[in-house]
Amino acid sequence: MTKYLTKLFVLIIIMSFVPIEGQSLINSPFAHTYSIVARDPVSGEMGVAVQSHWFSVGTTVTWGEAGVGVVATQSFVNYSFGPNGLKLMKEGMSAPDVLDKMIAEDEGRDFRQLAVLDVNGNVKSYTGAKCVEASGNIIGDNFSVQANMMLNDKVWDAMADAFKTTVGPLAERMVAALEAAQSVGGDIRGKQSAAILVVRGEATGKLWEDRLVDLRVDDSPEPVKEIKRLLKVHRAYEHMNNGDLAVEHNDMELAMAEYSAAEAMFPDNLEMKYWHAVTLVNNGGLEEALPMFKEVFSKDENWRTMTPRLIDNGLLVVTENELKTIISQ
């Protein structure tokens, strides 16, 4: 192993001084990794997910735009593949044509690994001949998986199988693919960071609404486990946000249902429990809410302090006596 790593280090140093048109390898960050680009044909959502034994892999590999497509650029990363790939797809080129064009124009192609998927589900991936073994890729229906510098050559097959057989939203299916990669060996160097990005199939023109999932774990001993946990938190807070929106529209019944769903996912989360209680009060359920307030206040006095501050803006609608009852819990 020591002899192998020494040879790899020497190779990296040599390649660092090879001039490459558009981007020299000396400016190419490492992202030896495994990733997936995918599309849900029902919802139209598109996504990219990745894990690597390298710091903050999500800032390097994952690219996506609603209504356009997604890109994963890795191995000795050519940064330009991300923005240029999205630009070319936005101009009307299909994902396979975009990949062929960018690879053909890159003199460092032998060291690159790239996957491109467009809004219509067209997809293509590429593994350069000089990517560090084990390396490979599989193109499937509305997805591609790719990996380099893996412990063995089972990784991309495991990822493809997991994605195809997992049921659920696109993001959860992509995380299943990451888990499968790790279960058969994953990155030969180990684990450090992960990221997942999901965008709408049809752009709304509102960037803050078009990125449906955008999560990163920059440095962790268990990045895939952590990205899975964060995705669950993300789903819970989707319910919280939907509850807030329902409150804005004075639909307290829907708000209570959304807050309850969030709390069920994370029963120990004080904020979720607190807003559930507030919504119960606003919906005429003061007696039911009091034990919830008591539990929250007993664990963090700041929630008791904040409660009267909700009166003036109408987030908590109670009489003076009802407020005193809540505060006294």
Protein backbone atom coordinates (compact mmCIF):
# COMPACT_ATOMS: atom_id res chain seq x y z
CA MET A 1 0.00 0.00 0.00
CA THR A 2 2.82 2.42 0.90
CA LYS A 3 4.53 1.76 -2.45
CA TYR A 4 1.22 2.35 -4.28
CA LEU A 5 0.57 5.65 -2.52
CA THR A 6 4.13 6.82 -3.19
CA LYS A 7 3.71 6.16 -6.91
CA LEU A 8 0.36 7.97 -6.85
CA PHE A 9 1.91 10.99 -5.13
CA VAL A 10 4.69 11.16 -7.71
CA LEU A 11 2.12 10.90 -10.51
CA ILE A 12 0.15 13.77 -9.02
CA ILE A 13 3.24 15.98 -8.81
CA ILE A 14 4.18 15.24 -12.42
CA MET A 15 0.67 15.90 -13.69
CA SER A 16 0.51 19.17 -11.80
CA PHE A 17 2.86 20.72 -14.34
CA VAL A 18 1.20 19.39 -17.49
CA PRO A 19 -0.40 22.32 -19.37
CA ILE A 20 -4.05 21.63 -20.14
CA GLU A 21 -6.12 23.80 -22.47
CA GLY A 22 -8.77 25.68 -20.49
CA GLN A 23 -7.62 24.38 -17.11
CA SER A 24 -4.23 22.96 -16.15
CA LEU A 25 -4.10 20.00 -13.83
CA ILE A 26 -2.14 22.16 -11.38
CA ASN A 27 -5.41 24.06 -10.90
CA SER A 28 -7.52 20.91 -10.78
CA PRO A 29 -8.77 20.09 -7.29
CA PHE A 30 -8.96 16.44 -6.35
CA ALA A 31 -12.39 14.84 -6.00
CA HIS A 32 -11.71 11.13 -6.16
CA THR A 33 -15.14 10.00 -5.25
CA TYR A 34 -18.39 8.25 -6.07
CA SER A 35 -21.51 10.10 -7.22
CA ILE A 36 -24.90 9.78 -8.87
CA VAL A 37 -26.85 12.08 -11.20
CA ALA A 38 -30.53 11.21 -11.54
CA ARG A 39 -34.01 12.32 -12.54
CA ASP A 40 -37.44 11.34 -11.27
CA PRO A 41 -39.59 10.87 -14.39
CA VAL A 42 -42.80 11.44 -12.41
CA SER A 43 -41.95 14.66 -10.56
CA GLY A 44 -39.32 15.83 -13.05
CA GLU A 45 -36.92 16.53 -10.18
CA MET A 46 -33.22 16.22 -10.99
CA GLY A 47 -30.41 15.66 -8.55
CA VAL A 48 -26.78 14.88 -7.88
CA ALA A 49 -25.28 13.27 -4.77
CA VAL A 50 -21.67 12.56 -3.87
CA GLN A 51 -19.29 11.28 -1.15
CA SER A 52 -15.51 11.54 -0.99
CA HIS A 53 -12.52 11.31 1.32
CA TRP A 54 -11.82 14.97 0.56
CA PHE A 55 -12.88 18.14 2.33
CA SER A 56 -16.10 19.86 1.19
CA VAL A 57 -16.72 17.75 -1.91
CA GLY A 58 -20.06 19.49 -2.48
CA THR A 59 -18.35 22.75 -3.42
CA THR A 60 -16.54 20.99 -6.24
CA VAL A 61 -18.53 18.13 -7.75
CA THR A 62 -22.25 19.04 -7.64
CA TRP A 63 -23.89 21.41 -10.13
CA GLY A 64 -27.54 21.84 -11.05
CA GLU A 65 -30.18 24.24 -12.31
CA ALA A 66 -33.95 23.83 -12.36
CA GLY A 67 -35.41 23.29 -15.80
CA VAL A 68 -31.92 22.61 -17.20
CA GLY A 69 -30.04 19.66 -15.72
CA VAL A 70 -27.35 18.46 -13.33
CA VAL A 71 -23.62 17.79 -13.61
CA ALA A 72 -21.10 15.81 -11.55
CA THR A 73 -17.47 16.66 -12.34
CA GLN A 74 -14.86 14.65 -10.44
CA SER A 75 -11.49 12.83 -10.32
CA PHE A 76 -9.06 15.65 -11.26
CA VAL A 77 -11.91 18.14 -11.40
CA ASN A 78 -12.41 20.49 -14.31
CA TYR A 79 -14.47 23.20 -12.62
CA SER A 80 -15.63 24.61 -15.95
CA PHE A 81 -17.61 21.44 -16.69
CA GLY A 82 -20.20 22.53 -14.11
CA PRO A 83 -21.19 26.01 -15.27
CA ASN A 84 -20.38 25.34 -18.93
CA GLY A 85 -22.39 22.12 -18.94
CA LEU A 86 -25.44 23.90 -17.52
CA LYS A 87 -25.00 26.78 -19.97
CA LEU A 88 -24.86 24.46 -22.98
CA MET A 89 -27.93 22.52 -21.84
CA LYS A 90 -29.76 25.80 -21.26
CA GLU A 91 -28.95 26.72 -24.86
CA GLY A 92 -30.66 23.54 -26.04
CA MET A 93 -27.94 20.90 -26.27
CA SER A 94 -28.71 17.42 -24.95
CA ALA A 95 -26.69 16.03 -22.06
CA PRO A 96 -24.81 13.46 -24.21
CA ASP A 97 -23.85 16.14 -26.73
CA VAL A 98 -22.73 18.46 -23.93
CA LEU A 99 -20.53 15.78 -22.40
CA ASP A 100 -19.01 14.83 -25.75
CA LYS A 101 -18.22 18.46 -26.54
CA MET A 102 -16.62 19.28 -23.20
CA ILE A 103 -14.55 16.08 -23.07
CA ALA A 104 -13.37 16.52 -26.66
CA GLU A 105 -12.17 20.05 -25.90
CA ASP A 106 -10.35 19.12 -22.67
CA GLU A 107 -6.76 17.93 -23.12
CA GLY A 108 -6.89 16.57 -19.58
CA ARG A 109 -9.77 14.26 -20.48
CA ASP A 110 -7.87 11.10 -19.52
CA PHE A 111 -7.83 12.22 -15.88
CA ARG A 112 -11.46 13.36 -15.73
CA GLN A 113 -14.68 11.72 -14.70
CA LEU A 114 -17.91 13.42 -15.69
CA ALA A 115 -21.67 12.82 -15.71
CA VAL A 116 -24.31 15.06 -17.29
CA LEU A 117 -28.12 14.72 -17.17
CA ASP A 118 -30.65 17.05 -18.78
CA VAL A 119 -34.26 17.97 -18.06
CA ASN A 120 -35.54 15.35 -20.51
CA GLY A 121 -33.70 12.53 -18.79
CA ASN A 122 -30.96 12.22 -21.40
CA VAL A 123 -27.80 11.21 -19.58
CA LYS A 124 -24.20 10.31 -20.30
CA SER A 125 -21.10 9.68 -18.20
CA TYR A 126 -17.41 9.31 -18.90
CA THR A 127 -14.42 7.81 -17.12
CA GLY A 128 -10.98 8.84 -18.35
CA ALA A 129 -8.43 6.13 -19.10
CA LYS A 130 -6.05 7.48 -16.43
CA CYS A 131 -8.56 7.79 -13.58
CA VAL A 132 -7.21 5.98 -10.54
CA GLU A 133 -8.49 2.43 -10.15
CA ALA A 134 -10.90 1.12 -9.30
CA SER A 135 -12.92 3.41 -11.54
CA GLY A 136 -15.98 3.06 -13.74
CA ASN A 137 -19.48 4.24 -14.50
CA ILE A 138 -22.92 2.89 -15.40
CA ILE A 139 -25.60 4.71 -17.40
CA GLY A 140 -29.20 3.73 -16.67
CA ASP A 141 -32.70 4.98 -17.29
CA ASN A 142 -32.73 8.60 -16.04
CA PHE A 143 -29.52 8.15 -14.01
CA SER A 144 -25.79 7.56 -14.06
CA VAL A 145 -23.43 6.40 -11.33
CA GLN A 146 -19.66 6.93 -11.46
CA ALA A 147 -16.72 6.33 -9.16
CA ASN A 148 -12.94 6.49 -9.09
CA MET A 149 -10.21 5.56 -6.59
CA MET A 150 -12.53 2.95 -5.09
CA LEU A 151 -11.50 -0.01 -2.96
CA ASN A 152 -12.89 -2.37 -5.61
CA ASP A 153 -14.92 -2.49 -8.83
CA LYS A 154 -18.22 -3.38 -7.10
CA VAL A 155 -19.11 0.18 -6.18
CA TRP A 156 -20.91 1.48 -9.27
CA ASP A 157 -22.90 -1.73 -9.73
CA ALA A 158 -24.07 -1.55 -6.11
CA MET A 159 -25.06 2.09 -6.55
CA ALA A 160 -27.07 1.38 -9.70
CA ASP A 161 -28.87 -1.55 -8.10
CA ALA A 162 -29.74 0.44 -4.99
CA PHE A 163 -31.09 3.38 -6.95
CA LYS A 164 -33.23 1.18 -9.18
CA THR A 165 -34.71 -0.84 -6.33
CA THR A 166 -35.27 1.87 -3.71
CA VAL A 167 -38.78 3.34 -3.48
CA GLY A 168 -39.35 6.96 -2.45
CA PRO A 169 -38.47 10.54 -3.37
CA LEU A 170 -35.46 11.18 -5.60
CA ALA A 171 -33.24 12.47 -2.79
CA GLU A 172 -33.79 9.40 -0.63
CA ARG A 173 -33.10 7.10 -3.58
CA MET A 174 -29.81 8.87 -4.27
CA VAL A 175 -28.78 8.58 -0.63
CA ALA A 176 -29.53 4.86 -0.87
CA ALA A 177 -27.07 4.71 -3.76
CA LEU A 178 -24.40 6.40 -1.62
CA GLU A 179 -25.04 3.94 1.19
CA ALA A 180 -24.72 1.03 -1.22
CA ALA A 181 -21.37 2.35 -2.46
CA GLN A 182 -20.06 2.51 1.07
CA SER A 183 -21.42 -0.93 1.95
CA VAL A 184 -19.22 -2.64 -0.67
CA GLY A 185 -16.04 -0.72 0.13
CA GLY A 186 -16.41 2.83 -1.15
CA ASP A 187 -13.44 5.18 -1.46
CA ILE A 188 -10.17 3.33 -0.81
CA ARG A 189 -9.02 6.22 1.40
CA GLY A 190 -12.13 6.26 3.59
CA LYS A 191 -14.81 8.89 4.22
CA GLN A 192 -14.91 12.65 4.83
CA SER A 193 -17.58 14.70 3.06
CA ALA A 194 -20.86 14.35 1.19
CA ALA A 195 -23.45 16.50 -0.56
CA ILE A 196 -26.85 16.26 -2.21
CA LEU A 197 -28.57 18.74 -4.53
CA VAL A 198 -32.10 18.39 -5.97
CA VAL A 199 -33.69 20.94 -8.30
CA ARG A 200 -37.10 21.24 -9.92
CA GLY A 201 -37.69 19.84 -13.37
CA GLU A 202 -39.47 23.05 -14.31
CA ALA A 203 -38.03 26.37 -13.22
CA THR A 204 -40.29 28.80 -11.39
CA GLY A 205 -37.97 31.75 -11.86
CA LYS A 206 -37.53 31.88 -8.08
CA LEU A 207 -34.13 30.42 -7.24
CA TRP A 208 -35.06 29.98 -3.58
CA GLU A 209 -37.94 27.72 -4.60
CA ASP A 210 -36.17 25.86 -7.40
CA ARG A 211 -33.54 24.23 -5.16
CA LEU A 212 -35.59 21.63 -3.34
CA VAL A 213 -32.74 19.99 -1.42
CA ASP A 214 -29.29 21.50 -0.94
CA LEU A 215 -27.33 19.79 1.84
CA ARG A 216 -23.62 19.41 2.54
CA VAL A 217 -21.46 17.62 5.07
CA ASP A 218 -18.01 19.12 4.69
CA ASP A 219 -16.03 17.14 7.26
CA SER A 220 -17.29 14.09 9.13
CA PRO A 221 -16.14 10.57 10.00
CA GLU A 222 -19.52 9.31 8.69
CA PRO A 223 -20.62 11.71 5.94
CA VAL A 224 -23.18 9.44 4.28
CA LYS A 225 -24.90 8.70 7.59
CA GLU A 226 -24.87 12.40 8.37
CA ILE A 227 -26.28 13.44 4.99
CA LYS A 228 -29.06 10.89 5.49
CA ARG A 229 -29.82 12.35 8.93
CA LEU A 230 -29.83 15.88 7.54
CA LEU A 231 -32.20 14.84 4.77
CA LYS A 232 -34.64 13.57 7.40
CA VAL A 233 -34.32 16.88 9.27
CA HIS A 234 -34.89 18.67 5.97
CA ARG A 235 -38.12 16.72 5.42
CA ALA A 236 -39.30 17.55 8.93
CA TYR A 237 -38.67 21.24 8.39
CA GLU A 238 -40.57 21.06 5.12
CA HIS A 239 -43.55 20.21 7.30
CA MET A 240 -42.65 23.11 9.61
CA ASN A 241 -42.45 25.52 6.68
CA ASN A 242 -45.76 24.26 5.35
CA GLY A 243 -47.20 24.82 8.81
CA ASP A 244 -45.93 28.40 8.84
CA LEU A 245 -47.46 28.98 5.42
CA ALA A 246 -50.78 27.58 6.63
CA VAL A 247 -50.68 29.96 9.61
CA GLU A 248 -50.12 32.88 7.22
CA HIS A 249 -53.31 31.81 5.41
CA ASN A 250 -55.15 31.32 8.72
CA ASP A 251 -55.59 27.60 8.02
CA MET A 252 -54.96 26.39 11.55
CA GLU A 253 -56.18 22.86 10.89
CA LEU A 254 -53.59 22.36 8.15
CA ALA A 255 -50.93 24.10 10.23
CA MET A 256 -51.56 21.71 13.12
CA ALA A 257 -51.33 18.70 10.80
CA GLU A 258 -48.00 19.90 9.37
CA TYR A 259 -46.47 20.73 12.74
CA SER A 260 -47.64 17.38 14.11
CA ALA A 261 -46.01 15.56 11.20
CA ALA A 262 -42.71 17.35 11.85
CA GLU A 263 -42.85 16.61 15.58
CA ALA A 264 -43.58 12.94 14.92
CA MET A 265 -40.32 12.71 12.97
CA PHE A 266 -38.29 14.38 15.75
CA PRO A 267 -40.22 14.11 19.02
CA ASP A 268 -37.32 15.54 21.06
CA ASN A 269 -37.05 18.72 18.99
CA LEU A 270 -38.23 21.55 21.27
CA GLU A 271 -38.91 24.03 18.48
CA MET A 272 -41.21 21.64 16.65
CA LYS A 273 -43.06 20.83 19.88
CA TYR A 274 -43.34 24.53 20.76
CA TRP A 275 -44.91 25.60 17.48
CA HIS A 276 -47.22 22.62 17.59
CA ALA A 277 -48.40 23.88 20.99
CA VAL A 278 -48.81 27.44 19.71
CA THR A 279 -50.90 26.19 16.80
CA LEU A 280 -53.06 24.11 19.13
CA VAL A 281 -53.79 27.22 21.21
CA ASN A 282 -54.65 29.26 18.13
CA ASN A 283 -56.95 26.45 17.09
CA GLY A 284 -58.82 26.36 20.40
CA GLY A 285 -56.80 23.60 22.02
CA LEU A 286 -55.32 25.39 25.03
CA GLU A 287 -55.74 22.51 27.48
CA GLU A 288 -54.10 20.07 25.08
CA ALA A 289 -51.21 22.48 24.50
CA LEU A 290 -50.36 23.20 28.16
CA PRO A 291 -48.44 19.95 28.83
CA MET A 292 -46.41 20.59 25.68
CA PHE A 293 -45.52 24.11 26.84
CA LYS A 294 -44.59 22.70 30.24
CA GLU A 295 -42.18 20.21 28.70
CA VAL A 296 -40.56 22.81 26.46
CA PHE A 297 -40.22 25.41 29.23
CA SER A 298 -38.74 22.86 31.63
CA LYS A 299 -35.95 22.14 29.18
CA ASP A 300 -35.26 25.68 27.97
CA GLU A 301 -36.50 28.82 29.75
CA ASN A 302 -35.90 30.97 26.68
CA TRP A 303 -39.09 29.62 25.09
CA ARG A 304 -41.08 30.87 28.10
CA THR A 305 -39.42 34.28 27.72
CA MET A 306 -40.23 34.43 24.03
CA THR A 307 -43.90 33.47 24.30
CA PRO A 308 -45.33 36.94 25.21
CA ARG A 309 -43.43 38.39 22.26
CA LEU A 310 -45.72 36.48 19.89
CA ILE A 311 -48.80 38.45 20.93
CA ASP A 312 -48.25 41.77 19.14
CA ASN A 313 -47.65 40.22 15.72
CA GLY A 314 -50.56 37.81 16.03
CA LEU A 315 -48.55 34.58 16.04
CA LEU A 316 -50.19 33.67 19.36
CA VAL A 317 -53.84 34.71 19.80
CA VAL A 318 -54.81 34.48 23.47
CA THR A 319 -56.40 36.53 26.22
CA GLU A 320 -54.28 37.99 29.00
CA ASN A 321 -55.42 35.26 31.39
CA GLU A 322 -54.67 32.52 28.84
CA LEU A 323 -51.17 33.93 28.35
CA LYS A 324 -50.60 33.90 32.11
CA THR A 325 -51.75 30.29 32.21
CA ILE A 326 -49.27 29.33 29.48
CA ILE A 327 -46.40 31.24 31.07
CA SER A 328 -47.07 29.63 34.46
CA GLN A 329 -46.46 26.12 33.14
